[in-house]
Amino acid sequence: PWRVQQVIPGSPAQTAGMKPDDILTEIDGIPIREANSAEVLRRLLQPASPTTRTRFQILRKGSPEPRTLVISPGVFSPESV
């Protein structure tokens, strides 16, 4: 499975609700499988426009149902601690 390693504080991913250890199961409706991992990686690495919205379906430990998160790119300043 594709597991989220880190989420930058203050990032669009954190704002959308993504957390470390979430498991990605779909990106834009495309199920993540070993057979299409190159396509999934290409989608993740492609440059995003300001109007791009990417839908992620995730599984989170302790949650019985998958969640859908929509992440839009944006300029942000990482939070400092």
N, C-alpha and C. Protein backbone atom coordinates (compact mmCIF):
# COMPACT_ATOMS: atom_id res chain seq x y z
N PRO A 1 0.82 -1.21 0.00
CA PRO A 1 0.00 0.00 0.00
C PRO A 1 0.86 1.26 0.00
N TRP A 2 0.30 2.34 -0.52
CA TRP A 2 0.97 3.63 -0.51
C TRP A 2 0.57 4.34 0.78
N ARG A 3 1.53 4.51 1.65
CA ARG A 3 1.28 5.10 2.97
C ARG A 3 1.91 6.50 3.01
N VAL A 4 1.18 7.45 3.58
CA VAL A 4 1.68 8.81 3.74
C VAL A 4 2.75 8.80 4.83
N GLN A 5 3.93 9.25 4.48
CA GLN A 5 5.04 9.27 5.43
C GLN A 5 5.03 10.54 6.27
N GLN A 6 4.78 11.68 5.61
CA GLN A 6 4.89 12.96 6.28
C GLN A 6 3.93 13.94 5.65
N VAL A 7 3.38 14.84 6.44
CA VAL A 7 2.54 15.92 5.94
C VAL A 7 3.14 17.22 6.49
N ILE A 8 3.45 18.13 5.59
CA ILE A 8 4.08 19.38 6.01
C ILE A 8 3.04 20.26 6.72
N PRO A 9 3.34 20.68 7.94
CA PRO A 9 2.40 21.55 8.66
C PRO A 9 2.10 22.82 7.87
N GLY A 10 0.83 23.14 7.75
CA GLY A 10 0.41 24.33 7.02
C GLY A 10 0.20 24.10 5.53
N SER A 11 0.52 22.89 5.04
CA SER A 11 0.40 22.60 3.60
C SER A 11 -1.05 22.38 3.20
N PRO A 12 -1.34 22.45 1.90
CA PRO A 12 -2.70 22.13 1.44
C PRO A 12 -3.14 20.72 1.85
N ALA A 13 -2.21 19.77 1.90
CA ALA A 13 -2.55 18.40 2.31
C ALA A 13 -3.02 18.38 3.77
N GLN A 14 -2.32 19.11 4.64
CA GLN A 14 -2.74 19.16 6.04
C GLN A 14 -4.08 19.88 6.17
N THR A 15 -4.24 20.96 5.43
CA THR A 15 -5.50 21.70 5.47
C THR A 15 -6.67 20.82 5.04
N ALA A 16 -6.44 19.93 4.07
CA ALA A 16 -7.49 19.02 3.59
C ALA A 16 -7.76 17.89 4.58
N GLY A 17 -6.84 17.66 5.52
CA GLY A 17 -7.06 16.63 6.53
C GLY A 17 -6.18 15.40 6.42
N MET A 18 -5.20 15.41 5.51
CA MET A 18 -4.31 14.26 5.38
C MET A 18 -3.39 14.18 6.59
N LYS A 19 -3.11 12.94 7.02
CA LYS A 19 -2.26 12.72 8.18
C LYS A 19 -1.23 11.62 7.87
N PRO A 20 -0.08 11.66 8.57
CA PRO A 20 0.88 10.57 8.42
C PRO A 20 0.21 9.24 8.75
N ASP A 21 0.61 8.21 8.04
CA ASP A 21 0.11 6.84 8.15
C ASP A 21 -1.23 6.60 7.44
N ASP A 22 -1.82 7.64 6.84
CA ASP A 22 -2.99 7.40 5.99
C ASP A 22 -2.54 6.51 4.83
N ILE A 23 -3.42 5.63 4.39
CA ILE A 23 -3.11 4.75 3.26
C ILE A 23 -3.90 5.25 2.06
N LEU A 24 -3.19 5.55 0.96
CA LEU A 24 -3.84 6.01 -0.26
C LEU A 24 -4.40 4.81 -1.01
N THR A 25 -5.68 4.87 -1.36
CA THR A 25 -6.30 3.77 -2.09
C THR A 25 -6.72 4.18 -3.50
N GLU A 26 -7.00 5.47 -3.72
CA GLU A 26 -7.38 5.97 -5.05
C GLU A 26 -6.88 7.40 -5.21
N ILE A 27 -6.56 7.74 -6.46
CA ILE A 27 -6.25 9.12 -6.82
C ILE A 27 -7.09 9.46 -8.04
N ASP A 28 -7.93 10.48 -7.90
CA ASP A 28 -8.84 10.90 -8.96
C ASP A 28 -9.64 9.72 -9.52
N GLY A 29 -10.09 8.85 -8.64
CA GLY A 29 -10.92 7.71 -9.03
C GLY A 29 -10.16 6.52 -9.58
N ILE A 30 -8.85 6.62 -9.65
CA ILE A 30 -8.03 5.51 -10.15
C ILE A 30 -7.53 4.71 -8.96
N PRO A 31 -7.95 3.44 -8.84
CA PRO A 31 -7.46 2.62 -7.72
C PRO A 31 -5.94 2.44 -7.80
N ILE A 32 -5.29 2.52 -6.68
CA ILE A 32 -3.84 2.34 -6.63
C ILE A 32 -3.55 0.86 -6.48
N ARG A 33 -2.88 0.32 -7.47
CA ARG A 33 -2.50 -1.09 -7.48
C ARG A 33 -1.05 -1.18 -7.97
N GLU A 34 -0.44 -2.29 -7.71
CA GLU A 34 0.95 -2.48 -8.15
C GLU A 34 1.07 -2.32 -9.66
N ALA A 35 0.08 -2.81 -10.39
CA ALA A 35 0.13 -2.77 -11.85
C ALA A 35 0.11 -1.36 -12.42
N ASN A 36 -0.47 -0.39 -11.71
CA ASN A 36 -0.53 0.96 -12.26
C ASN A 36 0.26 1.96 -11.42
N SER A 37 1.21 1.49 -10.64
CA SER A 37 1.96 2.39 -9.76
C SER A 37 2.73 3.46 -10.54
N ALA A 38 3.21 3.16 -11.73
CA ALA A 38 3.92 4.15 -12.54
C ALA A 38 2.98 5.28 -12.94
N GLU A 39 1.75 4.95 -13.32
CA GLU A 39 0.75 5.97 -13.69
C GLU A 39 0.39 6.82 -12.48
N VAL A 40 0.23 6.22 -11.32
CA VAL A 40 -0.10 6.95 -10.11
C VAL A 40 1.03 7.92 -9.75
N LEU A 41 2.26 7.45 -9.82
CA LEU A 41 3.40 8.30 -9.52
C LEU A 41 3.48 9.46 -10.50
N ARG A 42 3.22 9.20 -11.78
CA ARG A 42 3.23 10.27 -12.78
C ARG A 42 2.20 11.34 -12.44
N ARG A 43 1.01 10.91 -12.01
CA ARG A 43 -0.04 11.87 -11.64
C ARG A 43 0.37 12.72 -10.44
N LEU A 44 1.03 12.09 -9.48
CA LEU A 44 1.45 12.82 -8.29
C LEU A 44 2.55 13.83 -8.59
N LEU A 45 3.40 13.53 -9.55
CA LEU A 45 4.55 14.38 -9.84
C LEU A 45 4.31 15.43 -10.93
N GLN A 46 3.18 15.34 -11.62
CA GLN A 46 2.93 16.30 -12.69
C GLN A 46 2.70 17.70 -12.10
N PRO A 47 3.16 18.73 -12.81
CA PRO A 47 2.95 20.10 -12.33
C PRO A 47 1.45 20.39 -12.25
N ALA A 48 1.07 21.06 -11.20
CA ALA A 48 -0.35 21.39 -11.00
C ALA A 48 -0.61 22.85 -11.33
N SER A 49 -1.77 23.10 -11.90
CA SER A 49 -2.17 24.48 -12.15
C SER A 49 -2.94 24.97 -10.92
N PRO A 50 -3.15 26.28 -10.80
CA PRO A 50 -3.88 26.80 -9.63
C PRO A 50 -5.32 26.26 -9.54
N THR A 51 -5.86 25.76 -10.65
CA THR A 51 -7.24 25.26 -10.62
C THR A 51 -7.32 23.75 -10.46
N THR A 52 -6.17 23.09 -10.38
CA THR A 52 -6.14 21.64 -10.23
C THR A 52 -6.67 21.24 -8.86
N ARG A 53 -7.53 20.24 -8.86
CA ARG A 53 -8.02 19.66 -7.61
C ARG A 53 -7.82 18.16 -7.72
N THR A 54 -7.11 17.58 -6.78
CA THR A 54 -6.85 16.15 -6.80
C THR A 54 -7.64 15.50 -5.67
N ARG A 55 -8.36 14.44 -6.03
CA ARG A 55 -9.18 13.71 -5.06
C ARG A 55 -8.42 12.46 -4.63
N PHE A 56 -8.22 12.33 -3.35
CA PHE A 56 -7.56 11.16 -2.78
C PHE A 56 -8.57 10.41 -1.93
N GLN A 57 -8.59 9.10 -2.09
CA GLN A 57 -9.36 8.27 -1.17
C GLN A 57 -8.34 7.63 -0.25
N ILE A 58 -8.60 7.73 1.04
CA ILE A 58 -7.65 7.21 2.03
C ILE A 58 -8.34 6.27 3.01
N LEU A 59 -7.54 5.41 3.59
CA LEU A 59 -7.97 4.60 4.74
C LEU A 59 -7.15 5.09 5.93
N ARG A 60 -7.82 5.26 7.05
CA ARG A 60 -7.15 5.72 8.26
C ARG A 60 -7.38 4.71 9.36
N LYS A 61 -6.31 4.41 10.07
CA LYS A 61 -6.39 3.45 11.18
C LYS A 61 -7.47 3.92 12.16
N GLY A 62 -8.34 2.99 12.54
CA GLY A 62 -9.39 3.29 13.48
C GLY A 62 -10.67 3.80 12.84
N SER A 63 -10.64 4.02 11.53
CA SER A 63 -11.83 4.49 10.83
C SER A 63 -12.34 3.36 9.94
N PRO A 64 -13.61 2.96 10.09
CA PRO A 64 -14.10 1.82 9.33
C PRO A 64 -14.33 2.11 7.85
N GLU A 65 -14.56 3.36 7.48
CA GLU A 65 -14.87 3.71 6.10
C GLU A 65 -13.74 4.54 5.49
N PRO A 66 -13.54 4.40 4.17
CA PRO A 66 -12.57 5.26 3.50
C PRO A 66 -13.05 6.71 3.52
N ARG A 67 -12.11 7.63 3.43
CA ARG A 67 -12.42 9.06 3.38
C ARG A 67 -11.94 9.61 2.05
N THR A 68 -12.61 10.64 1.56
CA THR A 68 -12.17 11.32 0.35
C THR A 68 -11.68 12.71 0.74
N LEU A 69 -10.48 13.04 0.31
CA LEU A 69 -9.90 14.35 0.56
C LEU A 69 -9.65 15.01 -0.79
N VAL A 70 -9.97 16.27 -0.90
CA VAL A 70 -9.71 17.03 -2.12
C VAL A 70 -8.64 18.05 -1.79
N ILE A 71 -7.55 17.98 -2.54
CA ILE A 71 -6.42 18.87 -2.28
C ILE A 71 -6.18 19.74 -3.51
N SER A 72 -6.11 21.04 -3.26
CA SER A 72 -5.81 22.01 -4.31
C SER A 72 -4.44 22.60 -4.01
N PRO A 73 -3.60 22.74 -5.04
CA PRO A 73 -2.28 23.31 -4.79
C PRO A 73 -2.41 24.78 -4.40
N GLY A 74 -1.44 25.26 -3.71
CA GLY A 74 -1.44 26.66 -3.34
C GLY A 74 -0.12 27.06 -2.72
N VAL A 75 0.11 28.34 -2.71
CA VAL A 75 1.31 28.87 -2.08
C VAL A 75 1.04 28.92 -0.59
N PHE A 76 1.98 28.43 0.19
CA PHE A 76 1.80 28.42 1.64
C PHE A 76 3.15 28.59 2.30
N SER A 77 3.11 29.04 3.53
CA SER A 77 4.32 29.12 4.35
C SER A 77 4.22 28.02 5.37
N PRO A 78 5.18 27.10 5.38
CA PRO A 78 5.13 26.02 6.36
C PRO A 78 5.09 26.58 7.78
N GLU A 79 4.28 25.96 8.62
CA GLU A 79 4.23 26.36 10.01
C GLU A 79 5.54 26.02 10.70
N SER A 80 5.95 26.85 11.61
CA SER A 80 7.14 26.51 12.38
C SER A 80 6.72 26.26 13.82
N VAL A 81 7.49 25.46 14.49
CA VAL A 81 7.13 25.09 15.85
C VAL A 81 8.08 25.71 16.83
